[in-house]
Amino acid sequence: MISLTVNGQVHEIDVEPDKPLLWVLREDLNIVGPKFGCGVAACGACTVHVERTAVRSCSFPVSDAVGKTVVTVEGLSQGGQLHAVQRAWIENQVPQCGYCQPGFIMAAAALLQENPKPTDSDIDDVLSNICRCGTYSAIRRAVHRAAAILGGAS
């Protein structure tokens, strides 16, 4: 049995320690915000936070998350209030198909924790996720808006 804390809840699950965190979240815990995109940690659709750091969960063994806090897009909001990044995403109407957006939101939230005033270059360097719809300019606007909401005003 593995004990895993996800979105503030402790789960006891019987899985192999090398099973990717993405599949534990989706198959064993029915947390479907993180998406399967490529399976090789290239696209970022599966991005979650482990100890406040953005990780690509498709290539992250669940055993590496034991004893750590895991947060998915479902757990990003607090007290019934959307996170600033989620609010900025809505305000800027970022999603088109929406498939990659949970991963982008989680990567952007991690970026703003580390850099409250990112430049476009910072955003492009850190948010290496792939959006097949090409919403990159809207994503940049939303990250800047989220920084302003959080008080960083980039």
C-alpha atoms as a PDB file:
ATOM      1  CA  MET A   1       0.000   0.000   0.000  1.00  0.00           C
ATOM      2  CA  ILE A   2       1.128   3.504  -0.830  1.00  0.00           C
ATOM      3  CA  SER A   3      -0.049   6.564   1.055  1.00  0.00           C
ATOM      4  CA  LEU A   4      -0.482   9.575  -1.188  1.00  0.00           C
ATOM      5  CA  THR A   5      -1.694  13.081  -0.310  1.00  0.00           C
ATOM      6  CA  VAL A   6      -3.515  14.642  -3.244  1.00  0.00           C
ATOM      7  CA  ASN A   7      -5.395  17.930  -3.073  1.00  0.00           C
ATOM      8  CA  GLY A   8      -5.332  17.788   0.718  1.00  0.00           C
ATOM      9  CA  GLN A   9      -6.734  14.262   1.021  1.00  0.00           C
ATOM     10  CA  VAL A  10      -4.760  11.204   2.062  1.00  0.00           C
ATOM     11  CA  HIS A  11      -5.309   8.127  -0.098  1.00  0.00           C
ATOM     12  CA  GLU A  12      -4.148   4.568   0.614  1.00  0.00           C
ATOM     13  CA  ILE A  13      -3.727   2.806  -2.695  1.00  0.00           C
ATOM     14  CA  ASP A  14      -2.410  -0.572  -3.755  1.00  0.00           C
ATOM     15  CA  VAL A  15      -0.266   0.167  -6.810  1.00  0.00           C
ATOM     16  CA  GLU A  16       3.182  -0.681  -8.081  1.00  0.00           C
ATOM     17  CA  PRO A  17       5.725   1.937  -6.926  1.00  0.00           C
ATOM     18  CA  ASP A  18       6.921   2.587 -10.481  1.00  0.00           C
ATOM     19  CA  LYS A  19       3.426   3.297 -11.837  1.00  0.00           C
ATOM     20  CA  PRO A  20       3.368   6.828 -13.270  1.00  0.00           C
ATOM     21  CA  LEU A  21       1.650   9.341 -11.010  1.00  0.00           C
ATOM     22  CA  LEU A  22      -0.598  10.372 -13.913  1.00  0.00           C
ATOM     23  CA  TRP A  23      -2.172   6.923 -14.100  1.00  0.00           C
ATOM     24  CA  VAL A  24      -2.559   6.670 -10.336  1.00  0.00           C
ATOM     25  CA  LEU A  25      -4.393  10.001 -10.363  1.00  0.00           C
ATOM     26  CA  ARG A  26      -6.617   9.157 -13.333  1.00  0.00           C
ATOM     27  CA  GLU A  27      -7.217   5.413 -12.910  1.00  0.00           C
ATOM     28  CA  ASP A  28      -6.981   4.824  -9.178  1.00  0.00           C
ATOM     29  CA  LEU A  29      -8.178   8.144  -7.735  1.00  0.00           C
ATOM     30  CA  ASN A  30     -10.487   9.320 -10.556  1.00  0.00           C
ATOM     31  CA  ILE A  31      -8.764  12.721 -10.697  1.00  0.00           C
ATOM     32  CA  VAL A  32      -8.928  13.490 -14.405  1.00  0.00           C
ATOM     33  CA  GLY A  33      -7.690  17.100 -14.689  1.00  0.00           C
ATOM     34  CA  PRO A  34      -4.159  15.986 -15.595  1.00  0.00           C
ATOM     35  CA  LYS A  35      -4.316  14.694 -19.163  1.00  0.00           C
ATOM     36  CA  PHE A  36      -2.342  12.100 -21.075  1.00  0.00           C
ATOM     37  CA  GLY A  37      -0.727  13.753 -24.059  1.00  0.00           C
ATOM     38  CA  CYS A  38       2.547  12.169 -25.056  1.00  0.00           C
ATOM     39  CA  GLY A  39       3.729   9.846 -22.287  1.00  0.00           C
ATOM     40  CA  VAL A  40       7.317  11.109 -22.488  1.00  0.00           C
ATOM     41  CA  ALA A  41       7.062  14.344 -20.451  1.00  0.00           C
ATOM     42  CA  ALA A  42       7.314  16.537 -23.542  1.00  0.00           C
ATOM     43  CA  CYS A  43       3.873  18.126 -23.950  1.00  0.00           C
ATOM     44  CA  GLY A  44       2.991  19.100 -20.367  1.00  0.00           C
ATOM     45  CA  ALA A  45      -0.693  18.120 -20.467  1.00  0.00           C
ATOM     46  CA  CYS A  46      -0.088  16.002 -17.356  1.00  0.00           C
ATOM     47  CA  THR A  47       1.560  18.749 -15.260  1.00  0.00           C
ATOM     48  CA  VAL A  48       0.796  18.705 -11.515  1.00  0.00           C
ATOM     49  CA  HIS A  49       2.549  20.146  -8.481  1.00  0.00           C
ATOM     50  CA  VAL A  50       4.596  17.947  -6.177  1.00  0.00           C
ATOM     51  CA  GLU A  51       5.758  19.967  -3.194  1.00  0.00           C
ATOM     52  CA  ARG A  52       4.828  23.182  -5.081  1.00  0.00           C
ATOM     53  CA  THR A  53       7.041  22.241  -8.053  1.00  0.00           C
ATOM     54  CA  ALA A  54       5.563  21.585 -11.492  1.00  0.00           C
ATOM     55  CA  VAL A  55       6.243  18.022 -12.636  1.00  0.00           C
ATOM     56  CA  ARG A  56       5.167  16.022 -15.659  1.00  0.00           C
ATOM     57  CA  SER A  57       3.214  13.250 -13.981  1.00  0.00           C
ATOM     58  CA  CYS A  58       3.302  10.856 -16.965  1.00  0.00           C
ATOM     59  CA  SER A  59       6.952  10.103 -16.231  1.00  0.00           C
ATOM     60  CA  PHE A  60       6.954  10.647 -12.457  1.00  0.00           C
ATOM     61  CA  PRO A  61       6.814   7.381 -10.466  1.00  0.00           C
ATOM     62  CA  VAL A  62       4.161   7.424  -7.767  1.00  0.00           C
ATOM     63  CA  SER A  63       6.785   6.275  -5.255  1.00  0.00           C
ATOM     64  CA  ASP A  64       8.536   9.643  -5.672  1.00  0.00           C
ATOM     65  CA  ALA A  65       5.360  11.379  -4.460  1.00  0.00           C
ATOM     66  CA  VAL A  66       5.051   9.418  -1.211  1.00  0.00           C
ATOM     67  CA  GLY A  67       5.308  11.736   1.784  1.00  0.00           C
ATOM     68  CA  LYS A  68       4.903  14.793  -0.444  1.00  0.00           C
ATOM     69  CA  THR A  69       1.954  17.009  -1.252  1.00  0.00           C
ATOM     70  CA  VAL A  70       0.476  16.575  -4.729  1.00  0.00           C
ATOM     71  CA  VAL A  71      -1.838  19.225  -6.159  1.00  0.00           C
ATOM     72  CA  THR A  72      -3.755  18.893  -9.415  1.00  0.00           C
ATOM     73  CA  VAL A  73      -5.770  21.556 -11.229  1.00  0.00           C
ATOM     74  CA  GLU A  74      -8.788  20.362  -9.213  1.00  0.00           C
ATOM     75  CA  GLY A  75      -7.003  21.297  -5.975  1.00  0.00           C
ATOM     76  CA  LEU A  76      -5.546  24.624  -7.097  1.00  0.00           C
ATOM     77  CA  SER A  77      -8.506  26.697  -5.952  1.00  0.00           C
ATOM     78  CA  GLN A  78      -8.826  27.369  -2.234  1.00  0.00           C
ATOM     79  CA  GLY A  79     -11.884  27.987  -0.090  1.00  0.00           C
ATOM     80  CA  GLY A  80     -14.204  27.867  -3.076  1.00  0.00           C
ATOM     81  CA  GLN A  81     -12.248  30.626  -4.837  1.00  0.00           C
ATOM     82  CA  LEU A  82     -10.496  30.060  -8.124  1.00  0.00           C
ATOM     83  CA  HIS A  83      -6.745  30.547  -8.124  1.00  0.00           C
ATOM     84  CA  ALA A  84      -5.558  33.782  -9.767  1.00  0.00           C
ATOM     85  CA  VAL A  85      -4.257  31.809 -12.749  1.00  0.00           C
ATOM     86  CA  GLN A  86      -7.620  30.104 -13.220  1.00  0.00           C
ATOM     87  CA  ARG A  87      -9.410  33.473 -13.030  1.00  0.00           C
ATOM     88  CA  ALA A  88      -6.971  35.014 -15.522  1.00  0.00           C
ATOM     89  CA  TRP A  89      -7.475  32.076 -17.889  1.00  0.00           C
ATOM     90  CA  ILE A  90     -11.222  32.736 -17.871  1.00  0.00           C
ATOM     91  CA  GLU A  91     -10.861  36.516 -18.191  1.00  0.00           C
ATOM     92  CA  ASN A  92      -8.556  36.109 -21.187  1.00  0.00           C
ATOM     93  CA  GLN A  93     -10.626  33.318 -22.759  1.00  0.00           C
ATOM     94  CA  VAL A  94      -7.498  31.228 -23.221  1.00  0.00           C
ATOM     95  CA  PRO A  95      -8.827  27.739 -24.006  1.00  0.00           C
ATOM     96  CA  GLN A  96      -9.849  26.679 -27.453  1.00  0.00           C
ATOM     97  CA  CYS A  97     -10.067  22.888 -27.322  1.00  0.00           C
ATOM     98  CA  GLY A  98      -8.924  23.064 -23.688  1.00  0.00           C
ATOM     99  CA  TYR A  99      -7.084  19.744 -23.565  1.00  0.00           C
ATOM    100  CA  CYS A 100      -3.691  21.204 -22.629  1.00  0.00           C
ATOM    101  CA  GLN A 101      -5.015  23.924 -20.350  1.00  0.00           C
ATOM    102  CA  PRO A 102      -4.869  22.127 -16.957  1.00  0.00           C
ATOM    103  CA  GLY A 103      -1.169  21.486 -17.540  1.00  0.00           C
ATOM    104  CA  PHE A 104      -0.547  25.078 -18.611  1.00  0.00           C
ATOM    105  CA  ILE A 105      -2.453  26.404 -15.588  1.00  0.00           C
ATOM    106  CA  MET A 106      -0.377  24.278 -13.217  1.00  0.00           C
ATOM    107  CA  ALA A 107       2.884  25.286 -14.921  1.00  0.00           C
ATOM    108  CA  ALA A 108       1.881  28.964 -14.805  1.00  0.00           C
ATOM    109  CA  ALA A 109       0.953  28.776 -11.112  1.00  0.00           C
ATOM    110  CA  ALA A 110       4.363  27.237 -10.335  1.00  0.00           C
ATOM    111  CA  LEU A 111       6.106  29.908 -12.419  1.00  0.00           C
ATOM    112  CA  LEU A 112       4.367  32.710 -10.510  1.00  0.00           C
ATOM    113  CA  GLN A 113       5.360  31.166  -7.176  1.00  0.00           C
ATOM    114  CA  GLU A 114       8.997  31.435  -8.243  1.00  0.00           C
ATOM    115  CA  ASN A 115       8.815  34.592 -10.342  1.00  0.00           C
ATOM    116  CA  PRO A 116       5.951  36.975  -9.492  1.00  0.00           C
ATOM    117  CA  LYS A 117       6.881  39.361 -12.341  1.00  0.00           C
ATOM    118  CA  PRO A 118       7.721  37.200 -15.357  1.00  0.00           C
ATOM    119  CA  THR A 119       8.595  38.686 -18.725  1.00  0.00           C
ATOM    120  CA  ASP A 120       7.333  37.188 -21.968  1.00  0.00           C
ATOM    121  CA  SER A 121      10.725  35.530 -22.299  1.00  0.00           C
ATOM    122  CA  ASP A 122      10.432  34.040 -18.783  1.00  0.00           C
ATOM    123  CA  ILE A 123       6.984  32.699 -19.629  1.00  0.00           C
ATOM    124  CA  ASP A 124       8.179  31.191 -22.911  1.00  0.00           C
ATOM    125  CA  ASP A 125      11.217  29.616 -21.223  1.00  0.00           C
ATOM    126  CA  VAL A 126       9.337  28.053 -18.311  1.00  0.00           C
ATOM    127  CA  LEU A 127       6.018  27.149 -19.924  1.00  0.00           C
ATOM    128  CA  SER A 128       7.389  24.596 -22.359  1.00  0.00           C
ATOM    129  CA  ASN A 129       4.012  22.879 -22.642  1.00  0.00           C
ATOM    130  CA  ILE A 130       2.537  22.317 -26.092  1.00  0.00           C
ATOM    131  CA  CYS A 131      -0.767  23.800 -27.235  1.00  0.00           C
ATOM    132  CA  ARG A 132      -1.933  22.374 -30.536  1.00  0.00           C
ATOM    133  CA  CYS A 133      -4.440  25.221 -30.917  1.00  0.00           C
ATOM    134  CA  GLY A 134      -1.651  27.805 -30.647  1.00  0.00           C
ATOM    135  CA  THR A 135      -3.068  29.917 -27.809  1.00  0.00           C
ATOM    136  CA  TYR A 136       0.401  31.017 -26.697  1.00  0.00           C
ATOM    137  CA  SER A 137      -0.267  34.773 -26.907  1.00  0.00           C
ATOM    138  CA  ALA A 138      -3.454  34.385 -24.849  1.00  0.00           C
ATOM    139  CA  ILE A 139      -1.521  32.266 -22.360  1.00  0.00           C
ATOM    140  CA  ARG A 140       1.118  34.990 -21.991  1.00  0.00           C
ATOM    141  CA  ARG A 141      -1.610  37.618 -21.431  1.00  0.00           C
ATOM    142  CA  ALA A 142      -3.260  35.401 -18.834  1.00  0.00           C
ATOM    143  CA  VAL A 143       0.023  34.823 -16.968  1.00  0.00           C
ATOM    144  CA  HIS A 144       0.624  38.584 -16.846  1.00  0.00           C
ATOM    145  CA  ARG A 145      -2.967  39.115 -15.649  1.00  0.00           C
ATOM    146  CA  ALA A 146      -2.547  36.464 -12.951  1.00  0.00           C
ATOM    147  CA  ALA A 147       0.662  38.161 -11.828  1.00  0.00           C
ATOM    148  CA  ALA A 148      -1.262  41.428 -11.512  1.00  0.00           C
ATOM    149  CA  ILE A 149      -4.042  39.704  -9.535  1.00  0.00           C
ATOM    150  CA  LEU A 150      -1.411  38.222  -7.213  1.00  0.00           C
ATOM    151  CA  GLY A 151       0.206  41.630  -6.809  1.00  0.00           C
ATOM    152  CA  GLY A 152       3.283  41.017  -8.942  1.00  0.00           C
ATOM    153  CA  ALA A 153       2.103  43.104 -11.921  1.00  0.00           C
ATOM    154  CA  SER A 154       4.367  41.927 -14.737  1.00  0.00           C
END
